[in-house]
Structures are given as structure tokens and as C-alpha cells.
Amino acid sequence: MPTQPAAGTRRDSARNRELILDTARAALAEDGDATMHAVAKAAGVGQATLYRHFPTREALVLAVHRHDVDELVRAAPQLLGQHPPVEALRAWLDLLARYGRIKHGLSGAFHAATHAQLAEEGYQPVVGAIATLLAAGVAEGSLRDDVGAEELLLLVGFLWRLEVDAERDRRVAALLDVVLSGLARR
């Protein structure tokens, strides 16, 4: 007769997975060459637990990327529920900039993983989130209707190219002000 898993086992497993993802994100952003051993140690889990969730380093990097893209996509409607459309778009672009900063730190790890797969998986959901934010601003009358989500994503591609230094946040804010003023309905 099969035994039932102990109560809370699935919850513990989910908690460990999230802990590993959070730790890996921080470790990989700081050092794109962080090892699986270093991630397990920093997360306070055994290597067997880490490898049970993520059998390879590439699987871990892909999971970090997917998790971050999911958070970005979920943030769009949440921000629209809390702010007027232009403010929600600005806040969302700030989140995208933070993700870009993390992605910059992960660049070495991303190249080890399948770069094309990462880009393809994240592209449509991110474009969809931008489209949601733009449509709300157009409907409200605060944003122009002649700029699409894909064009805006291309326009803010600078977020991944800015040097990570003490002035980065100031430069991002100034550049986003320019972008948003260009999107404003006149």
C-alpha cells in the first residue's frame, strides 16, 4: 500500500523552490558564474534538493528567467488597478529596468543557456503586458494610439544596454521621462 506524503511536503517543496530561485537570482546577478554548489549553500538547502528542482545549471537559469518574466507580466494589470495608466506604465517600465539590471548581471549565465529559447519564451508575454498598459492609456486619452507594444519594447531596449553603475537609476529615470513624454497625447 503506497504511503501518503507527509502533510506539508508539497508546501515545503514549493517553498524550497522559491527560496532557490530567489537565491539564484541574487547570486547570478552578482556573479554570472555562480555555481550550483554556491546557490545551494546560500539558499541553505542540500545539493540534492537543488538538483531535484533544477537538474542542471541551465535549467536553473531558465527558471529564474521564466519566473522574472511571469512577475513582469502579472505586474501590468496589478499596476493598472493601483495607478492611472501613464503612472502604471512608468512603474512597469521601472520594473522592466530593474529586470534589465538583473539580466545584465546574468548575461554570462544566459549565454550558457539557450539564448534564443529565453528570448522567444519571454517576448510575447512582455509585449502583451505592454499592450495592456498602452491600451488603458489610449482608452483614458492620456497616451497616443499610434505606438504599438512591439515598437515601445524596441524603444526601451536601452534598458539592457546601460552600464550598471551608481548613475544607472538616474539615467533610466531621465530616459523614461523622455519616452513617456513622447507617448503622451497632445
C-alpha atoms as a PDB file:
ATOM      1  CA  MET A   1       0.000   0.000   0.000  1.00  0.00           C
ATOM      2  CA  PRO A   2       1.555   3.341  -1.043  1.00  0.00           C
ATOM      3  CA  THR A   3       2.269   5.782   1.696  1.00  0.00           C
ATOM      4  CA  GLN A   4       0.905   9.292   1.551  1.00  0.00           C
ATOM      5  CA  PRO A   5       3.397  12.137   1.555  1.00  0.00           C
ATOM      6  CA  ALA A   6       3.784  13.831   4.893  1.00  0.00           C
ATOM      7  CA  ALA A   7       1.476  16.805   5.391  1.00  0.00           C
ATOM      8  CA  GLY A   8       3.127  19.961   4.120  1.00  0.00           C
ATOM      9  CA  THR A   9       5.640  18.141   1.889  1.00  0.00           C
ATOM     10  CA  ARG A  10       4.379  19.845  -1.261  1.00  0.00           C
ATOM     11  CA  ARG A  11       4.305  23.172   0.528  1.00  0.00           C
ATOM     12  CA  ASP A  12       7.889  22.626   1.719  1.00  0.00           C
ATOM     13  CA  SER A  13       8.925  21.693  -1.792  1.00  0.00           C
ATOM     14  CA  ALA A  14       7.319  24.838  -3.248  1.00  0.00           C
ATOM     15  CA  ARG A  15       8.921  26.962  -0.533  1.00  0.00           C
ATOM     16  CA  ASN A  16      12.347  25.414  -1.260  1.00  0.00           C
ATOM     17  CA  ARG A  17      11.903  26.029  -4.986  1.00  0.00           C
ATOM     18  CA  GLU A  18      11.073  29.712  -4.418  1.00  0.00           C
ATOM     19  CA  LEU A  19      13.985  30.070  -1.990  1.00  0.00           C
ATOM     20  CA  ILE A  20      16.349  28.536  -4.525  1.00  0.00           C
ATOM     21  CA  LEU A  21      15.036  30.814  -7.305  1.00  0.00           C
ATOM     22  CA  ASP A  22      15.381  33.947  -5.167  1.00  0.00           C
ATOM     23  CA  THR A  23      18.867  32.959  -4.053  1.00  0.00           C
ATOM     24  CA  ALA A  24      19.936  32.017  -7.578  1.00  0.00           C
ATOM     25  CA  ARG A  25      18.643  35.328  -8.966  1.00  0.00           C
ATOM     26  CA  ALA A  26      20.707  37.278  -6.444  1.00  0.00           C
ATOM     27  CA  ALA A  27      23.794  35.072  -6.781  1.00  0.00           C
ATOM     28  CA  LEU A  28      23.729  35.035 -10.588  1.00  0.00           C
ATOM     29  CA  ALA A  29      23.111  38.780 -10.806  1.00  0.00           C
ATOM     30  CA  GLU A  30      26.115  39.387  -8.573  1.00  0.00           C
ATOM     31  CA  ASP A  31      28.301  36.765 -10.218  1.00  0.00           C
ATOM     32  CA  GLY A  32      27.062  35.316 -13.506  1.00  0.00           C
ATOM     33  CA  ASP A  33      29.392  32.389 -12.884  1.00  0.00           C
ATOM     34  CA  ALA A  34      27.835  31.370  -9.536  1.00  0.00           C
ATOM     35  CA  THR A  35      27.948  27.601  -9.204  1.00  0.00           C
ATOM     36  CA  MET A  36      25.124  25.271  -8.259  1.00  0.00           C
ATOM     37  CA  HIS A  37      27.042  24.463  -5.076  1.00  0.00           C
ATOM     38  CA  ALA A  38      27.238  28.185  -4.186  1.00  0.00           C
ATOM     39  CA  VAL A  39      23.490  28.627  -4.820  1.00  0.00           C
ATOM     40  CA  ALA A  40      22.584  25.613  -2.666  1.00  0.00           C
ATOM     41  CA  LYS A  41      24.844  26.802   0.144  1.00  0.00           C
ATOM     42  CA  ALA A  42      23.490  30.366   0.031  1.00  0.00           C
ATOM     43  CA  ALA A  43      19.904  29.073  -0.025  1.00  0.00           C
ATOM     44  CA  GLY A  44      20.593  26.805   2.945  1.00  0.00           C
ATOM     45  CA  VAL A  45      19.435  23.680   1.112  1.00  0.00           C
ATOM     46  CA  GLY A  46      21.248  20.499   0.284  1.00  0.00           C
ATOM     47  CA  GLN A  47      22.580  19.891  -3.184  1.00  0.00           C
ATOM     48  CA  ALA A  48      20.148  17.016  -3.619  1.00  0.00           C
ATOM     49  CA  THR A  49      17.251  19.422  -3.006  1.00  0.00           C
ATOM     50  CA  LEU A  50      18.667  21.880  -5.534  1.00  0.00           C
ATOM     51  CA  TYR A  51      19.219  19.190  -8.186  1.00  0.00           C
ATOM     52  CA  ARG A  52      15.779  17.688  -7.579  1.00  0.00           C
ATOM     53  CA  HIS A  53      14.238  21.015  -8.576  1.00  0.00           C
ATOM     54  CA  PHE A  54      16.827  22.049 -11.180  1.00  0.00           C
ATOM     55  CA  PRO A  55      18.841  19.147 -12.639  1.00  0.00           C
ATOM     56  CA  THR A  56      21.276  21.436 -14.483  1.00  0.00           C
ATOM     57  CA  ARG A  57      22.609  24.976 -14.183  1.00  0.00           C
ATOM     58  CA  GLU A  58      20.901  25.825 -17.452  1.00  0.00           C
ATOM     59  CA  ALA A  59      17.570  24.632 -16.026  1.00  0.00           C
ATOM     60  CA  LEU A  60      18.087  26.933 -13.038  1.00  0.00           C
ATOM     61  CA  VAL A  61      18.940  29.938 -15.235  1.00  0.00           C
ATOM     62  CA  LEU A  62      15.894  29.270 -17.430  1.00  0.00           C
ATOM     63  CA  ALA A  63      13.681  29.018 -14.349  1.00  0.00           C
ATOM     64  CA  VAL A  64      14.991  32.338 -12.982  1.00  0.00           C
ATOM     65  CA  HIS A  65      14.283  33.988 -16.339  1.00  0.00           C
ATOM     66  CA  ARG A  66      10.789  32.483 -16.638  1.00  0.00           C
ATOM     67  CA  HIS A  67       9.927  33.480 -13.085  1.00  0.00           C
ATOM     68  CA  ASP A  68      11.042  37.068 -13.684  1.00  0.00           C
ATOM     69  CA  VAL A  69       9.092  37.337 -16.948  1.00  0.00           C
ATOM     70  CA  ASP A  70       5.989  35.948 -15.218  1.00  0.00           C
ATOM     71  CA  GLU A  71       6.337  38.574 -12.477  1.00  0.00           C
ATOM     72  CA  LEU A  72       6.681  41.343 -15.064  1.00  0.00           C
ATOM     73  CA  VAL A  73       3.596  40.174 -16.942  1.00  0.00           C
ATOM     74  CA  ARG A  74       1.486  39.831 -13.774  1.00  0.00           C
ATOM     75  CA  ALA A  75       2.535  43.316 -12.642  1.00  0.00           C
ATOM     76  CA  ALA A  76       0.872  45.130 -15.581  1.00  0.00           C
ATOM     77  CA  PRO A  77      -2.776  44.606 -14.577  1.00  0.00           C
ATOM     78  CA  GLN A  78      -1.919  44.988 -10.895  1.00  0.00           C
ATOM     79  CA  LEU A  79      -0.320  48.380 -11.540  1.00  0.00           C
ATOM     80  CA  LEU A  80      -3.318  49.451 -13.639  1.00  0.00           C
ATOM     81  CA  GLY A  81      -5.524  48.613 -10.671  1.00  0.00           C
ATOM     82  CA  GLN A  82      -3.461  50.905  -8.436  1.00  0.00           C
ATOM     83  CA  HIS A  83      -2.498  53.822 -10.723  1.00  0.00           C
ATOM     84  CA  PRO A  84      -3.695  55.859 -13.684  1.00  0.00           C
ATOM     85  CA  PRO A  85      -2.429  54.312 -16.971  1.00  0.00           C
ATOM     86  CA  VAL A  86       0.573  56.603 -17.533  1.00  0.00           C
ATOM     87  CA  GLU A  87       1.773  56.107 -13.947  1.00  0.00           C
ATOM     88  CA  ALA A  88       1.192  52.357 -14.263  1.00  0.00           C
ATOM     89  CA  LEU A  89       3.191  52.276 -17.499  1.00  0.00           C
ATOM     90  CA  ARG A  90       6.004  54.252 -15.840  1.00  0.00           C
ATOM     91  CA  ALA A  91       6.042  51.914 -12.827  1.00  0.00           C
ATOM     92  CA  TRP A  92       6.024  48.877 -15.130  1.00  0.00           C
ATOM     93  CA  LEU A  93       8.906  50.278 -17.198  1.00  0.00           C
ATOM     94  CA  ASP A  94      10.795  50.809 -13.924  1.00  0.00           C
ATOM     95  CA  LEU A  95      10.242  47.111 -13.157  1.00  0.00           C
ATOM     96  CA  LEU A  96      11.470  46.272 -16.646  1.00  0.00           C
ATOM     97  CA  ALA A  97      14.566  48.401 -15.993  1.00  0.00           C
ATOM     98  CA  ARG A  98      15.235  46.504 -12.748  1.00  0.00           C
ATOM     99  CA  TYR A  99      14.843  43.238 -14.614  1.00  0.00           C
ATOM    100  CA  GLY A 100      17.248  44.596 -17.225  1.00  0.00           C
ATOM    101  CA  ARG A 101      19.768  45.302 -14.470  1.00  0.00           C
ATOM    102  CA  ILE A 102      19.425  41.708 -13.232  1.00  0.00           C
ATOM    103  CA  LYS A 103      19.593  40.388 -16.782  1.00  0.00           C
ATOM    104  CA  HIS A 104      22.796  42.383 -17.325  1.00  0.00           C
ATOM    105  CA  GLY A 105      24.350  40.564 -14.368  1.00  0.00           C
ATOM    106  CA  LEU A 106      23.076  37.259 -15.708  1.00  0.00           C
ATOM    107  CA  SER A 107      24.409  37.791 -19.214  1.00  0.00           C
ATOM    108  CA  GLY A 108      27.143  35.185 -18.853  1.00  0.00           C
ATOM    109  CA  ALA A 109      24.704  32.645 -17.476  1.00  0.00           C
ATOM    110  CA  PHE A 110      22.167  33.474 -20.204  1.00  0.00           C
ATOM    111  CA  HIS A 111      24.738  32.779 -22.878  1.00  0.00           C
ATOM    112  CA  ALA A 112      25.375  29.382 -21.334  1.00  0.00           C
ATOM    113  CA  ALA A 113      21.654  28.640 -21.523  1.00  0.00           C
ATOM    114  CA  THR A 114      19.758  28.683 -24.779  1.00  0.00           C
ATOM    115  CA  HIS A 115      19.628  32.418 -25.507  1.00  0.00           C
ATOM    116  CA  ALA A 116      17.142  32.080 -28.368  1.00  0.00           C
ATOM    117  CA  GLN A 117      14.808  29.988 -26.214  1.00  0.00           C
ATOM    118  CA  LEU A 118      14.900  32.607 -23.444  1.00  0.00           C
ATOM    119  CA  ALA A 119      14.140  35.455 -25.831  1.00  0.00           C
ATOM    120  CA  GLU A 120      11.358  33.580 -27.608  1.00  0.00           C
ATOM    121  CA  GLU A 121       9.602  32.482 -24.409  1.00  0.00           C
ATOM    122  CA  GLY A 122       9.582  35.931 -22.858  1.00  0.00           C
ATOM    123  CA  TYR A 123       8.837  38.084 -25.887  1.00  0.00           C
ATOM    124  CA  GLN A 124       5.092  37.610 -26.438  1.00  0.00           C
ATOM    125  CA  PRO A 125       4.105  37.776 -22.747  1.00  0.00           C
ATOM    126  CA  VAL A 126       6.074  41.012 -22.299  1.00  0.00           C
ATOM    127  CA  VAL A 127       4.586  42.501 -25.481  1.00  0.00           C
ATOM    128  CA  GLY A 128       1.146  41.526 -24.166  1.00  0.00           C
ATOM    129  CA  ALA A 129       1.780  43.299 -20.853  1.00  0.00           C
ATOM    130  CA  ILE A 130       2.904  46.440 -22.674  1.00  0.00           C
ATOM    131  CA  ALA A 131      -0.162  46.261 -24.936  1.00  0.00           C
ATOM    132  CA  THR A 132      -2.414  46.107 -21.857  1.00  0.00           C
ATOM    133  CA  LEU A 133      -0.776  49.198 -20.377  1.00  0.00           C
ATOM    134  CA  LEU A 134      -0.851  51.134 -23.657  1.00  0.00           C
ATOM    135  CA  ALA A 135      -4.495  50.254 -24.341  1.00  0.00           C
ATOM    136  CA  ALA A 136      -5.503  51.568 -20.922  1.00  0.00           C
ATOM    137  CA  GLY A 137      -3.710  54.856 -21.583  1.00  0.00           C
ATOM    138  CA  VAL A 138      -5.251  55.176 -25.050  1.00  0.00           C
ATOM    139  CA  ALA A 139      -8.738  54.434 -23.672  1.00  0.00           C
ATOM    140  CA  GLU A 140      -8.243  57.046 -20.955  1.00  0.00           C
ATOM    141  CA  GLY A 141      -6.990  59.544 -23.530  1.00  0.00           C
ATOM    142  CA  SER A 142      -3.563  60.107 -21.957  1.00  0.00           C
ATOM    143  CA  LEU A 143      -1.485  58.131 -24.494  1.00  0.00           C
ATOM    144  CA  ARG A 144      -1.209  58.300 -28.268  1.00  0.00           C
ATOM    145  CA  ASP A 145      -2.724  55.446 -30.242  1.00  0.00           C
ATOM    146  CA  ASP A 146      -0.067  55.257 -32.963  1.00  0.00           C
ATOM    147  CA  VAL A 147       2.664  53.462 -30.982  1.00  0.00           C
ATOM    148  CA  GLY A 148       2.334  49.706 -30.571  1.00  0.00           C
ATOM    149  CA  ALA A 149       3.640  47.434 -27.874  1.00  0.00           C
ATOM    150  CA  GLU A 150       6.398  45.957 -30.032  1.00  0.00           C
ATOM    151  CA  GLU A 151       7.594  49.428 -31.020  1.00  0.00           C
ATOM    152  CA  LEU A 152       7.702  50.528 -27.385  1.00  0.00           C
ATOM    153  CA  LEU A 153       9.660  47.412 -26.429  1.00  0.00           C
ATOM    154  CA  LEU A 154      12.170  48.189 -29.182  1.00  0.00           C
ATOM    155  CA  LEU A 155      12.344  51.783 -27.999  1.00  0.00           C
ATOM    156  CA  VAL A 156      13.135  50.851 -24.388  1.00  0.00           C
ATOM    157  CA  GLY A 157      15.745  48.280 -25.422  1.00  0.00           C
ATOM    158  CA  PHE A 158      18.315  50.660 -23.950  1.00  0.00           C
ATOM    159  CA  LEU A 159      17.428  49.279 -20.525  1.00  0.00           C
ATOM    160  CA  TRP A 160      19.610  46.249 -21.237  1.00  0.00           C
ATOM    161  CA  ARG A 161      22.475  48.285 -22.621  1.00  0.00           C
ATOM    162  CA  LEU A 162      23.057  50.828 -19.868  1.00  0.00           C
ATOM    163  CA  GLU A 163      26.173  50.324 -17.782  1.00  0.00           C
ATOM    164  CA  VAL A 164      25.458  49.129 -14.283  1.00  0.00           C
ATOM    165  CA  ASP A 165      26.906  51.849 -12.070  1.00  0.00           C
ATOM    166  CA  ALA A 166      25.856  54.362  -9.415  1.00  0.00           C
ATOM    167  CA  GLU A 167      24.262  56.657 -12.020  1.00  0.00           C
ATOM    168  CA  ARG A 168      22.190  53.986 -13.782  1.00  0.00           C
ATOM    169  CA  ASP A 169      18.925  54.603 -11.923  1.00  0.00           C
ATOM    170  CA  ARG A 170      19.115  58.339 -12.584  1.00  0.00           C
ATOM    171  CA  ARG A 171      19.792  57.757 -16.289  1.00  0.00           C
ATOM    172  CA  VAL A 172      16.918  55.249 -16.521  1.00  0.00           C
ATOM    173  CA  ALA A 173      14.512  57.717 -14.903  1.00  0.00           C
ATOM    174  CA  ALA A 174      15.563  60.538 -17.229  1.00  0.00           C
ATOM    175  CA  LEU A 175      15.307  58.372 -20.337  1.00  0.00           C
ATOM    176  CA  LEU A 176      11.896  57.014 -19.308  1.00  0.00           C
ATOM    177  CA  ASP A 177      10.685  60.611 -18.851  1.00  0.00           C
ATOM    178  CA  VAL A 178      11.661  61.268 -22.477  1.00  0.00           C
ATOM    179  CA  VAL A 179       9.956  58.080 -23.701  1.00  0.00           C
ATOM    180  CA  LEU A 180       6.741  58.778 -21.798  1.00  0.00           C
ATOM    181  CA  SER A 181       6.591  62.410 -22.905  1.00  0.00           C
ATOM    182  CA  GLY A 182       6.805  61.172 -26.491  1.00  0.00           C
ATOM    183  CA  LEU A 183       3.894  58.786 -25.883  1.00  0.00           C
ATOM    184  CA  ALA A 184       1.674  61.410 -24.249  1.00  0.00           C
ATOM    185  CA  ARG A 185      -1.363  62.501 -26.202  1.00  0.00           C
ATOM    186  CA  ARG A 186      -1.072  66.183 -27.042  1.00  0.00           C
END
